[in-house]
């Protein structure tokens, strides 16, 4: 959390992945999502998850 990553090049270097088509000097911003309160049992069908890439999305 304390690392200062300012560009796309910094980020992909630390992640060990290719930069794709994004220029290395493109600025990046750290975004942190708010926690999602989850209530009920693990069998609850009411919760749809908080996004398609989220680990809390129910698996089919």
Protein backbone atom coordinates (compact mmCIF):
# COMPACT_ATOMS: atom_id res chain seq x y z
CA UNK A 1 0.00 0.00 0.00
CA UNK A 2 2.89 2.39 0.58
CA UNK A 3 4.57 1.90 -2.83
CA UNK A 4 4.49 4.93 -5.10
CA UNK A 5 3.52 3.82 -8.61
CA UNK A 6 3.07 6.76 -10.92
CA UNK A 7 3.08 5.35 -14.46
CA UNK A 8 1.81 2.34 -16.36
CA UNK A 9 5.45 1.31 -16.91
CA UNK A 10 6.06 1.28 -13.13
CA UNK A 11 2.97 -0.83 -12.57
CA UNK A 12 3.63 -3.51 -15.21
CA UNK A 13 7.27 -3.75 -14.15
CA UNK A 14 6.26 -4.50 -10.56
CA UNK A 15 3.52 -6.88 -11.71
CA UNK A 16 5.86 -8.69 -14.12
CA UNK A 17 3.47 -8.42 -17.07
CA UNK A 18 3.66 -6.86 -20.53
CA UNK A 19 2.49 -3.30 -21.02
CA UNK A 20 0.28 -4.10 -24.02
CA UNK A 21 -0.50 -1.08 -26.19
CA UNK A 22 -0.56 1.42 -23.30
CA UNK A 23 2.45 3.79 -23.37
CA UNK A 24 4.83 3.27 -20.43
CA UNK A 25 4.63 6.93 -19.40
CA UNK A 26 0.83 6.92 -19.00
CA UNK A 27 -0.08 8.16 -15.48
CA UNK A 28 -1.94 5.75 -13.18
CA UNK A 29 -4.03 6.34 -10.05
CA UNK A 30 -4.53 3.92 -7.17
CA UNK A 31 -8.21 3.13 -6.64
CA UNK A 32 -9.46 1.31 -3.59
CA UNK A 33 -13.01 0.00 -3.45
CA UNK A 34 -15.06 0.34 -0.30
CA UNK A 35 -15.72 -2.96 1.47
CA UNK A 36 -19.06 -4.57 0.71
CA UNK A 37 -20.95 -5.74 3.78
CA UNK A 38 -22.18 -9.29 3.30
CA UNK A 39 -24.83 -10.68 5.58
CA UNK A 40 -26.65 -13.99 5.71
CA UNK A 41 -25.42 -17.52 5.18
CA UNK A 42 -23.16 -18.69 2.38
CA UNK A 43 -26.21 -20.23 0.74
CA UNK A 44 -27.96 -16.85 0.35
CA UNK A 45 -29.15 -16.20 -3.19
CA UNK A 46 -29.84 -12.47 -2.57
CA UNK A 47 -26.28 -11.26 -3.07
CA UNK A 48 -25.25 -10.77 -6.70
CA UNK A 49 -21.66 -9.75 -6.04
CA UNK A 50 -20.08 -6.36 -6.48
CA UNK A 51 -18.68 -6.80 -9.99
CA UNK A 52 -17.72 -9.33 -12.63
CA UNK A 53 -14.04 -9.40 -11.61
CA UNK A 54 -14.77 -9.58 -7.90
CA UNK A 55 -14.03 -12.66 -5.83
CA UNK A 56 -17.41 -12.39 -4.11
CA UNK A 57 -19.48 -12.98 -7.27
CA UNK A 58 -21.43 -16.21 -6.80
CA UNK A 59 -20.11 -19.03 -8.96
CA UNK A 60 -22.58 -20.94 -11.14
